[in-house]
Amino acid sequence: MSRYEMAVVVDRSFFQAMGEMRTVPDISSRDVAWFVVGFEEMARAYRLVPDAVRYTTLEDSVLGLTAGVPVSLELFEKRILAKLTRRSGPSKIAPD
């Protein structure tokens, strides 16, 4: 029997959009370690800020990923364009 051991780094908003995942209390019982990070904006860059670590089984990770609430493509594109605008000024690319 093979044992899965993975480390996944995700930002806080992505992790919060996922479905509920049961965690395991002991690191030796985990298949996946979720490292949740935030972003701190600096002068011309972003810095990753550790937020939390959650240990889960592979099965619970799959359930959490598939039970997440996706955003519409339109909302996703608006958020990306807003971030690009904040970062580099107005974009010459407009969404359809």
PDB file of N, CA and C in Angstrom:
ATOM      1  N   MET A   1       0.846  -1.176   0.000  1.00  0.00           N
ATOM      2  CA  MET A   1       0.000   0.000   0.000  1.00  0.00           C
ATOM      3  C   MET A   1       0.895   1.244   0.000  1.00  0.00           C
ATOM      4  N   SER A   2       0.675   2.140  -0.953  1.00  0.00           N
ATOM      5  CA  SER A   2       1.495   3.346  -1.000  1.00  0.00           C
ATOM      6  C   SER A   2       0.915   4.411  -0.083  1.00  0.00           C
ATOM      7  N   ARG A   3       1.762   5.262   0.402  1.00  0.00           N
ATOM      8  CA  ARG A   3       1.358   6.343   1.301  1.00  0.00           C
ATOM      9  C   ARG A   3       1.625   7.650   0.591  1.00  0.00           C
ATOM     10  N   TYR A   4       0.591   8.496   0.513  1.00  0.00           N
ATOM     11  CA  TYR A   4       0.742   9.803  -0.100  1.00  0.00           C
ATOM     12  C   TYR A   4       1.218  10.779   0.954  1.00  0.00           C
ATOM     13  N   GLU A   5       2.198  11.566   0.602  1.00  0.00           N
ATOM     14  CA  GLU A   5       2.661  12.629   1.477  1.00  0.00           C
ATOM     15  C   GLU A   5       2.935  13.827   0.602  1.00  0.00           C
ATOM     16  N   MET A   6       2.138  14.872   0.801  1.00  0.00           N
ATOM     17  CA  MET A   6       2.241  16.069  -0.027  1.00  0.00           C
ATOM     18  C   MET A   6       2.225  17.307   0.839  1.00  0.00           C
ATOM     19  N   ALA A   7       2.845  18.339   0.320  1.00  0.00           N
ATOM     20  CA  ALA A   7       2.767  19.662   0.927  1.00  0.00           C
ATOM     21  C   ALA A   7       2.174  20.594  -0.125  1.00  0.00           C
ATOM     22  N   VAL A   8       1.170  21.355   0.281  1.00  0.00           N
ATOM     23  CA  VAL A   8       0.487  22.266  -0.631  1.00  0.00           C
ATOM     24  C   VAL A   8       0.502  23.648  -0.003  1.00  0.00           C
ATOM     25  N   VAL A   9       0.919  24.650  -0.782  1.00  0.00           N
ATOM     26  CA  VAL A   9       0.905  26.034  -0.305  1.00  0.00           C
ATOM     27  C   VAL A   9      -0.193  26.773  -1.050  1.00  0.00           C
ATOM     28  N   VAL A  10      -1.125  27.349  -0.303  1.00  0.00           N
ATOM     29  CA  VAL A  10      -2.231  28.105  -0.900  1.00  0.00           C
ATOM     30  C   VAL A  10      -2.418  29.403  -0.139  1.00  0.00           C
ATOM     31  N   ASP A  11      -3.012  30.396  -0.817  1.00  0.00           N
ATOM     32  CA  ASP A  11      -3.292  31.630  -0.102  1.00  0.00           C
ATOM     33  C   ASP A  11      -4.575  31.480   0.712  1.00  0.00           C
ATOM     34  N   ARG A  12      -4.715  32.354   1.682  1.00  0.00           N
ATOM     35  CA  ARG A  12      -5.806  32.280   2.642  1.00  0.00           C
ATOM     36  C   ARG A  12      -7.173  32.279   1.968  1.00  0.00           C
ATOM     37  N   SER A  13      -7.380  33.132   0.966  1.00  0.00           N
ATOM     38  CA  SER A  13      -8.694  33.214   0.331  1.00  0.00           C
ATOM     39  C   SER A  13      -9.029  31.922  -0.423  1.00  0.00           C
ATOM     40  N   PHE A  14      -8.046  31.298  -1.056  1.00  0.00           N
ATOM     41  CA  PHE A  14      -8.280  30.019  -1.725  1.00  0.00           C
ATOM     42  C   PHE A  14      -8.666  28.958  -0.707  1.00  0.00           C
ATOM     43  N   PHE A  15      -7.938  28.894   0.387  1.00  0.00           N
ATOM     44  CA  PHE A  15      -8.211  27.887   1.410  1.00  0.00           C
ATOM     45  C   PHE A  15      -9.601  28.079   2.007  1.00  0.00           C
ATOM     46  N   GLN A  16      -9.991  29.326   2.222  1.00  0.00           N
ATOM     47  CA  GLN A  16     -11.306  29.607   2.795  1.00  0.00           C
ATOM     48  C   GLN A  16     -12.438  29.280   1.827  1.00  0.00           C
ATOM     49  N   ALA A  17     -12.152  29.298   0.514  1.00  0.00           N
ATOM     50  CA  ALA A  17     -13.173  28.979  -0.478  1.00  0.00           C
ATOM     51  C   ALA A  17     -13.358  27.472  -0.646  1.00  0.00           C
ATOM     52  N   MET A  18     -12.438  26.701  -0.103  1.00  0.00           N
ATOM     53  CA  MET A  18     -12.552  25.245  -0.201  1.00  0.00           C
ATOM     54  C   MET A  18     -13.640  24.759   0.744  1.00  0.00           C
ATOM     55  N   GLY A  19     -14.097  23.547   0.499  1.00  0.00           N
ATOM     56  CA  GLY A  19     -15.069  22.942   1.401  1.00  0.00           C
ATOM     57  C   GLY A  19     -14.417  22.562   2.723  1.00  0.00           C
ATOM     58  N   GLU A  20     -15.240  22.225   3.673  1.00  0.00           N
ATOM     59  CA  GLU A  20     -14.755  21.822   4.996  1.00  0.00           C
ATOM     60  C   GLU A  20     -13.890  20.572   4.891  1.00  0.00           C
ATOM     61  N   MET A  21     -12.762  20.586   5.577  1.00  0.00           N
ATOM     62  CA  MET A  21     -11.869  19.419   5.607  1.00  0.00           C
ATOM     63  C   MET A  21     -11.596  19.046   7.055  1.00  0.00           C
ATOM     64  N   ARG A  22     -11.781  17.772   7.360  1.00  0.00           N
ATOM     65  CA  ARG A  22     -11.394  17.311   8.693  1.00  0.00           C
ATOM     66  C   ARG A  22      -9.876  17.313   8.776  1.00  0.00           C
ATOM     67  N   THR A  23      -9.361  17.674   9.911  1.00  0.00           N
ATOM     68  CA  THR A  23      -7.915  17.634  10.108  1.00  0.00           C
ATOM     69  C   THR A  23      -7.574  16.452  11.008  1.00  0.00           C
ATOM     70  N   VAL A  24      -6.342  16.026  10.918  1.00  0.00           N
ATOM     71  CA  VAL A  24      -5.870  14.953  11.793  1.00  0.00           C
ATOM     72  C   VAL A  24      -4.987  15.577  12.859  1.00  0.00           C
ATOM     73  N   PRO A  25      -5.076  15.076  14.083  1.00  0.00           N
ATOM     74  CA  PRO A  25      -4.347  15.706  15.189  1.00  0.00           C
ATOM     75  C   PRO A  25      -2.843  15.429  15.188  1.00  0.00           C
ATOM     76  N   ASP A  26      -2.442  14.350  14.556  1.00  0.00           N
ATOM     77  CA  ASP A  26      -1.046  13.952  14.618  1.00  0.00           C
ATOM     78  C   ASP A  26      -0.412  14.009  13.241  1.00  0.00           C
ATOM     79  N   ILE A  27       0.758  14.578  13.146  1.00  0.00           N
ATOM     80  CA  ILE A  27       1.443  14.726  11.856  1.00  0.00           C
ATOM     81  C   ILE A  27       1.717  13.368  11.204  1.00  0.00           C
ATOM     82  N   SER A  28       1.892  12.334  12.002  1.00  0.00           N
ATOM     83  CA  SER A  28       2.181  11.014  11.420  1.00  0.00           C
ATOM     84  C   SER A  28       0.943  10.393  10.764  1.00  0.00           C
ATOM     85  N   SER A  29      -0.239  10.936  11.013  1.00  0.00           N
ATOM     86  CA  SER A  29      -1.473  10.415  10.421  1.00  0.00           C
ATOM     87  C   SER A  29      -1.875  11.153   9.152  1.00  0.00           C
ATOM     88  N   ARG A  30      -1.127  12.123   8.759  1.00  0.00           N
ATOM     89  CA  ARG A  30      -1.526  12.967   7.632  1.00  0.00           C
ATOM     90  C   ARG A  30      -0.980  12.459   6.312  1.00  0.00           C
ATOM     91  N   ASP A  31      -1.716  12.797   5.250  1.00  0.00           N
ATOM     92  CA  ASP A  31      -1.257  12.558   3.890  1.00  0.00           C
ATOM     93  C   ASP A  31      -0.869  13.874   3.230  1.00  0.00           C
ATOM     94  N   VAL A  32      -1.562  14.941   3.635  1.00  0.00           N
ATOM     95  CA  VAL A  32      -1.351  16.256   3.024  1.00  0.00           C
ATOM     96  C   VAL A  32      -1.155  17.297   4.120  1.00  0.00           C
ATOM     97  N   ALA A  33      -0.139  18.121   3.956  1.00  0.00           N
ATOM     98  CA  ALA A  33       0.066  19.270   4.832  1.00  0.00           C
ATOM     99  C   ALA A  33      -0.270  20.523   4.027  1.00  0.00           C
ATOM    100  N   TRP A  34      -1.297  21.246   4.456  1.00  0.00           N
ATOM    101  CA  TRP A  34      -1.718  22.485   3.798  1.00  0.00           C
ATOM    102  C   TRP A  34      -1.050  23.656   4.510  1.00  0.00           C
ATOM    103  N   PHE A  35      -0.208  24.377   3.797  1.00  0.00           N
ATOM    104  CA  PHE A  35       0.432  25.572   4.339  1.00  0.00           C
ATOM    105  C   PHE A  35      -0.336  26.771   3.792  1.00  0.00           C
ATOM    106  N   VAL A  36      -1.028  27.450   4.678  1.00  0.00           N
ATOM    107  CA  VAL A  36      -1.860  28.583   4.286  1.00  0.00           C
ATOM    108  C   VAL A  36      -1.058  29.856   4.523  1.00  0.00           C
ATOM    109  N   VAL A  37      -1.018  30.720   3.507  1.00  0.00           N
ATOM    110  CA  VAL A  37      -0.234  31.951   3.603  1.00  0.00           C
ATOM    111  C   VAL A  37      -1.092  33.160   3.238  1.00  0.00           C
ATOM    112  N   GLY A  38      -0.657  34.290   3.731  1.00  0.00           N
ATOM    113  CA  GLY A  38      -1.228  35.569   3.323  1.00  0.00           C
ATOM    114  C   GLY A  38      -0.157  36.304   2.540  1.00  0.00           C
ATOM    115  N   PHE A  39      -0.517  37.470   2.048  1.00  0.00           N
ATOM    116  CA  PHE A  39       0.436  38.285   1.305  1.00  0.00           C
ATOM    117  C   PHE A  39       0.545  39.644   1.966  1.00  0.00           C
ATOM    118  N   GLU A  40       1.756  40.108   2.125  1.00  0.00           N
ATOM    119  CA  GLU A  40       2.013  41.432   2.665  1.00  0.00           C
ATOM    120  C   GLU A  40       2.598  42.271   1.540  1.00  0.00           C
ATOM    121  N   GLU A  41       1.923  43.365   1.234  1.00  0.00           N
ATOM    122  CA  GLU A  41       2.398  44.205   0.137  1.00  0.00           C
ATOM    123  C   GLU A  41       3.532  45.079   0.637  1.00  0.00           C
ATOM    124  N   MET A  42       4.616  45.059  -0.123  1.00  0.00           N
ATOM    125  CA  MET A  42       5.766  45.885   0.203  1.00  0.00           C
ATOM    126  C   MET A  42       5.907  46.930  -0.897  1.00  0.00           C
ATOM    127  N   ALA A  43       6.966  47.673  -0.899  1.00  0.00           N
ATOM    128  CA  ALA A  43       7.138  48.772  -1.849  1.00  0.00           C
ATOM    129  C   ALA A  43       6.846  48.361  -3.295  1.00  0.00           C
ATOM    130  N   ARG A  44       7.536  47.363  -3.807  1.00  0.00           N
ATOM    131  CA  ARG A  44       7.318  46.937  -5.190  1.00  0.00           C
ATOM    132  C   ARG A  44       7.203  45.434  -5.319  1.00  0.00           C
ATOM    133  N   ALA A  45       6.808  44.794  -4.213  1.00  0.00           N
ATOM    134  CA  ALA A  45       6.726  43.339  -4.229  1.00  0.00           C
ATOM    135  C   ALA A  45       5.752  42.871  -3.153  1.00  0.00           C
ATOM    136  N   TYR A  46       5.523  41.587  -3.138  1.00  0.00           N
ATOM    137  CA  TYR A  46       4.705  40.964  -2.104  1.00  0.00           C
ATOM    138  C   TYR A  46       5.563  39.972  -1.345  1.00  0.00           C
ATOM    139  N   ARG A  47       5.246  39.819  -0.085  1.00  0.00           N
ATOM    140  CA  ARG A  47       5.962  38.866   0.753  1.00  0.00           C
ATOM    141  C   ARG A  47       4.952  37.865   1.289  1.00  0.00           C
ATOM    142  N   LEU A  48       5.297  36.577   1.245  1.00  0.00           N
ATOM    143  CA  LEU A  48       4.433  35.552   1.807  1.00  0.00           C
ATOM    144  C   LEU A  48       4.511  35.598   3.325  1.00  0.00           C
ATOM    145  N   VAL A  49       3.353  35.540   3.965  1.00  0.00           N
ATOM    146  CA  VAL A  49       3.280  35.566   5.422  1.00  0.00           C
ATOM    147  C   VAL A  49       2.606  34.279   5.884  1.00  0.00           C
ATOM    148  N   PRO A  50       3.298  33.444   6.646  1.00  0.00           N
ATOM    149  CA  PRO A  50       2.685  32.203   7.124  1.00  0.00           C
ATOM    150  C   PRO A  50       1.436  32.498   7.954  1.00  0.00           C
ATOM    151  N   ASP A  51       0.376  31.722   7.727  1.00  0.00           N
ATOM    152  CA  ASP A  51      -0.878  31.919   8.437  1.00  0.00           C
ATOM    153  C   ASP A  51      -1.244  30.692   9.266  1.00  0.00           C
ATOM    154  N   ALA A  52      -1.252  29.511   8.638  1.00  0.00           N
ATOM    155  CA  ALA A  52      -1.658  28.300   9.351  1.00  0.00           C
ATOM    156  C   ALA A  52      -1.128  27.078   8.627  1.00  0.00           C
ATOM    157  N   VAL A  53      -1.086  25.970   9.342  1.00  0.00           N
ATOM    158  CA  VAL A  53      -0.758  24.669   8.758  1.00  0.00           C
ATOM    159  C   VAL A  53      -1.862  23.712   9.179  1.00  0.00           C
ATOM    160  N   ARG A  54      -2.416  23.011   8.208  1.00  0.00           N
ATOM    161  CA  ARG A  54      -3.485  22.036   8.476  1.00  0.00           C
ATOM    162  C   ARG A  54      -3.057  20.683   7.913  1.00  0.00           C
ATOM    163  N   TYR A  55      -3.214  19.642   8.712  1.00  0.00           N
ATOM    164  CA  TYR A  55      -2.880  18.289   8.286  1.00  0.00           C
ATOM    165  C   TYR A  55      -4.169  17.533   8.004  1.00  0.00           C
ATOM    166  N   THR A  56      -4.244  16.905   6.829  1.00  0.00           N
ATOM    167  CA  THR A  56      -5.444  16.162   6.450  1.00  0.00           C
ATOM    168  C   THR A  56      -5.053  14.844   5.790  1.00  0.00           C
ATOM    169  N   THR A  57      -6.042  14.019   5.620  1.00  0.00           N
ATOM    170  CA  THR A  57      -5.846  12.809   4.821  1.00  0.00           C
ATOM    171  C   THR A  57      -6.068  13.188   3.357  1.00  0.00           C
ATOM    172  N   LEU A  58      -5.648  12.328   2.459  1.00  0.00           N
ATOM    173  CA  LEU A  58      -5.866  12.580   1.039  1.00  0.00           C
ATOM    174  C   LEU A  58      -7.361  12.622   0.728  1.00  0.00           C
ATOM    175  N   GLU A  59      -8.114  11.715   1.302  1.00  0.00           N
ATOM    176  CA  GLU A  59      -9.553  11.661   1.059  1.00  0.00           C
ATOM    177  C   GLU A  59     -10.241  12.964   1.491  1.00  0.00           C
ATOM    178  N   ASP A  60      -9.895  13.472   2.671  1.00  0.00           N
ATOM    179  CA  ASP A  60     -10.503  14.726   3.135  1.00  0.00           C
ATOM    180  C   ASP A  60     -10.053  15.914   2.294  1.00  0.00           C
ATOM    181  N   SER A  61      -8.837  15.865   1.792  1.00  0.00           N
ATOM    182  CA  SER A  61      -8.362  16.934   0.906  1.00  0.00           C
ATOM    183  C   SER A  61      -9.159  16.960  -0.394  1.00  0.00           C
ATOM    184  N   VAL A  62      -9.409  15.789  -0.956  1.00  0.00           N
ATOM    185  CA  VAL A  62     -10.202  15.700  -2.188  1.00  0.00           C
ATOM    186  C   VAL A  62     -11.607  16.223  -1.935  1.00  0.00           C
ATOM    187  N   LEU A  63     -12.200  15.843  -0.812  1.00  0.00           N
ATOM    188  CA  LEU A  63     -13.536  16.346  -0.475  1.00  0.00           C
ATOM    189  C   LEU A  63     -13.535  17.867  -0.335  1.00  0.00           C
ATOM    190  N   GLY A  64     -12.519  18.406   0.307  1.00  0.00           N
ATOM    191  CA  GLY A  64     -12.432  19.858   0.469  1.00  0.00           C
ATOM    192  C   GLY A  64     -12.281  20.582  -0.856  1.00  0.00           C
ATOM    193  N   LEU A  65     -11.496  20.018  -1.749  1.00  0.00           N
ATOM    194  CA  LEU A  65     -11.295  20.636  -3.065  1.00  0.00           C
ATOM    195  C   LEU A  65     -12.548  20.569  -3.920  1.00  0.00           C
ATOM    196  N   THR A  66     -13.237  19.448  -3.891  1.00  0.00           N
ATOM    197  CA  THR A  66     -14.407  19.301  -4.753  1.00  0.00           C
ATOM    198  C   THR A  66     -15.651  19.965  -4.178  1.00  0.00           C
ATOM    199  N   ALA A  67     -15.655  20.273  -2.901  1.00  0.00           N
ATOM    200  CA  ALA A  67     -16.818  20.915  -2.287  1.00  0.00           C
ATOM    201  C   ALA A  67     -16.675  22.428  -2.225  1.00  0.00           C
ATOM    202  N   GLY A  68     -15.596  22.949  -2.763  1.00  0.00           N
ATOM    203  CA  GLY A  68     -15.386  24.393  -2.743  1.00  0.00           C
ATOM    204  C   GLY A  68     -16.419  25.123  -3.583  1.00  0.00           C
ATOM    205  N   VAL A  69     -16.529  26.418  -3.325  1.00  0.00           N
ATOM    206  CA  VAL A  69     -17.475  27.248  -4.050  1.00  0.00           C
ATOM    207  C   VAL A  69     -16.710  28.056  -5.094  1.00  0.00           C
ATOM    208  N   PRO A  70     -16.834  27.679  -6.369  1.00  0.00           N
ATOM    209  CA  PRO A  70     -16.103  28.417  -7.403  1.00  0.00           C
ATOM    210  C   PRO A  70     -16.756  29.766  -7.676  1.00  0.00           C
ATOM    211  N   VAL A  71     -15.948  30.721  -8.094  1.00  0.00           N
ATOM    212  CA  VAL A  71     -16.496  32.015  -8.509  1.00  0.00           C
ATOM    213  C   VAL A  71     -16.708  31.972 -10.014  1.00  0.00           C
ATOM    214  N   SER A  72     -17.549  32.857 -10.489  1.00  0.00           N
ATOM    215  CA  SER A  72     -17.796  32.904 -11.928  1.00  0.00           C
ATOM    216  C   SER A  72     -16.540  33.395 -12.645  1.00  0.00           C
ATOM    217  N   LEU A  73     -16.438  33.067 -13.914  1.00  0.00           N
ATOM    218  CA  LEU A  73     -15.307  33.516 -14.716  1.00  0.00           C
ATOM    219  C   LEU A  73     -15.266  35.040 -14.738  1.00  0.00           C
ATOM    220  N   GLU A  74     -16.421  35.661 -14.855  1.00  0.00           N
ATOM    221  CA  GLU A  74     -16.488  37.122 -14.889  1.00  0.00           C
ATOM    222  C   GLU A  74     -15.927  37.736 -13.604  1.00  0.00           C
ATOM    223  N   LEU A  75     -16.322  37.218 -12.452  1.00  0.00           N
ATOM    224  CA  LEU A  75     -15.816  37.736 -11.180  1.00  0.00           C
ATOM    225  C   LEU A  75     -14.321  37.481 -11.044  1.00  0.00           C
ATOM    226  N   PHE A  76     -13.877  36.304 -11.445  1.00  0.00           N
ATOM    227  CA  PHE A  76     -12.463  35.971 -11.391  1.00  0.00           C
ATOM    228  C   PHE A  76     -11.643  36.963 -12.223  1.00  0.00           C
ATOM    229  N   GLU A  77     -12.102  37.232 -13.469  1.00  0.00           N
ATOM    230  CA  GLU A  77     -11.387  38.160 -14.339  1.00  0.00           C
ATOM    231  C   GLU A  77     -11.388  39.573 -13.766  1.00  0.00           C
ATOM    232  N   LYS A  78     -12.494  40.005 -13.186  1.00  0.00           N
ATOM    233  CA  LYS A  78     -12.551  41.342 -12.573  1.00  0.00           C
ATOM    234  C   LYS A  78     -11.551  41.466 -11.435  1.00  0.00           C
ATOM    235  N   ARG A  79     -11.466  40.428 -10.622  1.00  0.00           N
ATOM    236  CA  ARG A  79     -10.513  40.460  -9.503  1.00  0.00           C
ATOM    237  C   ARG A  79      -9.074  40.524  -9.993  1.00  0.00           C
ATOM    238  N   ILE A  80      -8.757  39.739 -11.018  1.00  0.00           N
ATOM    239  CA  ILE A  80      -7.400  39.748 -11.571  1.00  0.00           C
ATOM    240  C   ILE A  80      -7.069  41.122 -12.150  1.00  0.00           C
ATOM    241  N   LEU A  81      -7.989  41.684 -12.938  1.00  0.00           N
ATOM    242  CA  LEU A  81      -7.754  43.012 -13.532  1.00  0.00           C
ATOM    243  C   LEU A  81      -7.600  44.084 -12.454  1.00  0.00           C
ATOM    244  N   ALA A  82      -8.386  43.983 -11.378  1.00  0.00           N
ATOM    245  CA  ALA A  82      -8.266  44.954 -10.287  1.00  0.00           C
ATOM    246  C   ALA A  82      -6.895  44.868  -9.637  1.00  0.00           C
ATOM    247  N   LYS A  83      -6.403  43.658  -9.444  1.00  0.00           N
ATOM    248  CA  LYS A  83      -5.071  43.490  -8.858  1.00  0.00           C
ATOM    249  C   LYS A  83      -3.991  44.009  -9.792  1.00  0.00           C
ATOM    250  N   LEU A  84      -4.134  43.744 -11.085  1.00  0.00           N
ATOM    251  CA  LEU A  84      -3.155  44.249 -12.048  1.00  0.00           C
ATOM    252  C   LEU A  84      -3.172  45.773 -12.103  1.00  0.00           C
ATOM    253  N   THR A  85      -4.351  46.355 -12.025  1.00  0.00           N
ATOM    254  CA  THR A  85      -4.470  47.812 -12.058  1.00  0.00           C
ATOM    255  C   THR A  85      -3.802  48.435 -10.846  1.00  0.00           C
ATOM    256  N   ARG A  86      -4.048  47.847  -9.669  1.00  0.00           N
ATOM    257  CA  ARG A  86      -3.404  48.355  -8.455  1.00  0.00           C
ATOM    258  C   ARG A  86      -1.896  48.250  -8.562  1.00  0.00           C
ATOM    259  N   ARG A  87      -1.431  47.192  -9.194  1.00  0.00           N
ATOM    260  CA  ARG A  87      -0.003  46.907  -9.259  1.00  0.00           C
ATOM    261  C   ARG A  87       0.718  47.748 -10.306  1.00  0.00           C
ATOM    262  N   SER A  88       0.089  47.944 -11.488  1.00  0.00           N
ATOM    263  CA  SER A  88       0.833  48.575 -12.573  1.00  0.00           C
ATOM    264  C   SER A  88       0.073  49.685 -13.291  1.00  0.00           C
ATOM    265  N   GLY A  89      -1.031  50.127 -12.755  1.00  0.00           N
ATOM    266  CA  GLY A  89      -1.819  51.150 -13.431  1.00  0.00           C
ATOM    267  C   GLY A  89      -2.865  50.509 -14.316  1.00  0.00           C
ATOM    268  N   PRO A  90      -3.715  51.294 -14.954  1.00  0.00           N
ATOM    269  CA  PRO A  90      -4.796  50.757 -15.786  1.00  0.00           C
ATOM    270  C   PRO A  90      -4.283  49.837 -16.877  1.00  0.00           C
ATOM    271  N   SER A  91      -5.003  48.767 -17.089  1.00  0.00           N
ATOM    272  CA  SER A  91      -4.641  47.789 -18.115  1.00  0.00           C
ATOM    273  C   SER A  91      -5.201  48.194 -19.468  1.00  0.00           C
ATOM    274  N   LYS A  92      -4.458  47.911 -20.509  1.00  0.00           N
ATOM    275  CA  LYS A  92      -4.937  48.176 -21.868  1.00  0.00           C
ATOM    276  C   LYS A  92      -5.818  47.047 -22.355  1.00  0.00           C
ATOM    277  N   ILE A  93      -5.839  45.966 -21.589  1.00  0.00           N
ATOM    278  CA  ILE A  93      -6.670  44.811 -21.943  1.00  0.00           C
ATOM    279  C   ILE A  93      -7.972  44.919 -21.189  1.00  0.00           C
ATOM    280  N   ALA A  94      -9.070  44.905 -21.912  1.00  0.00           N
ATOM    281  CA  ALA A  94     -10.387  44.962 -21.275  1.00  0.00           C
ATOM    282  C   ALA A  94     -11.071  43.623 -21.429  1.00  0.00           C
ATOM    283  N   PRO A  95     -11.812  43.192 -20.389  1.00  0.00           N
ATOM    284  CA  PRO A  95     -12.524  41.910 -20.532  1.00  0.00           C
ATOM    285  C   PRO A  95     -13.647  42.049 -21.553  1.00  0.00           C
ATOM    286  N   ASP A  96     -14.000  40.947 -22.190  1.00  0.00           N
ATOM    287  CA  ASP A  96     -15.098  40.935 -23.168  1.00  0.00           C
ATOM    288  C   ASP A  96     -16.423  41.218 -22.498  1.00  0.00           C
TER     289      ASP A  96
END
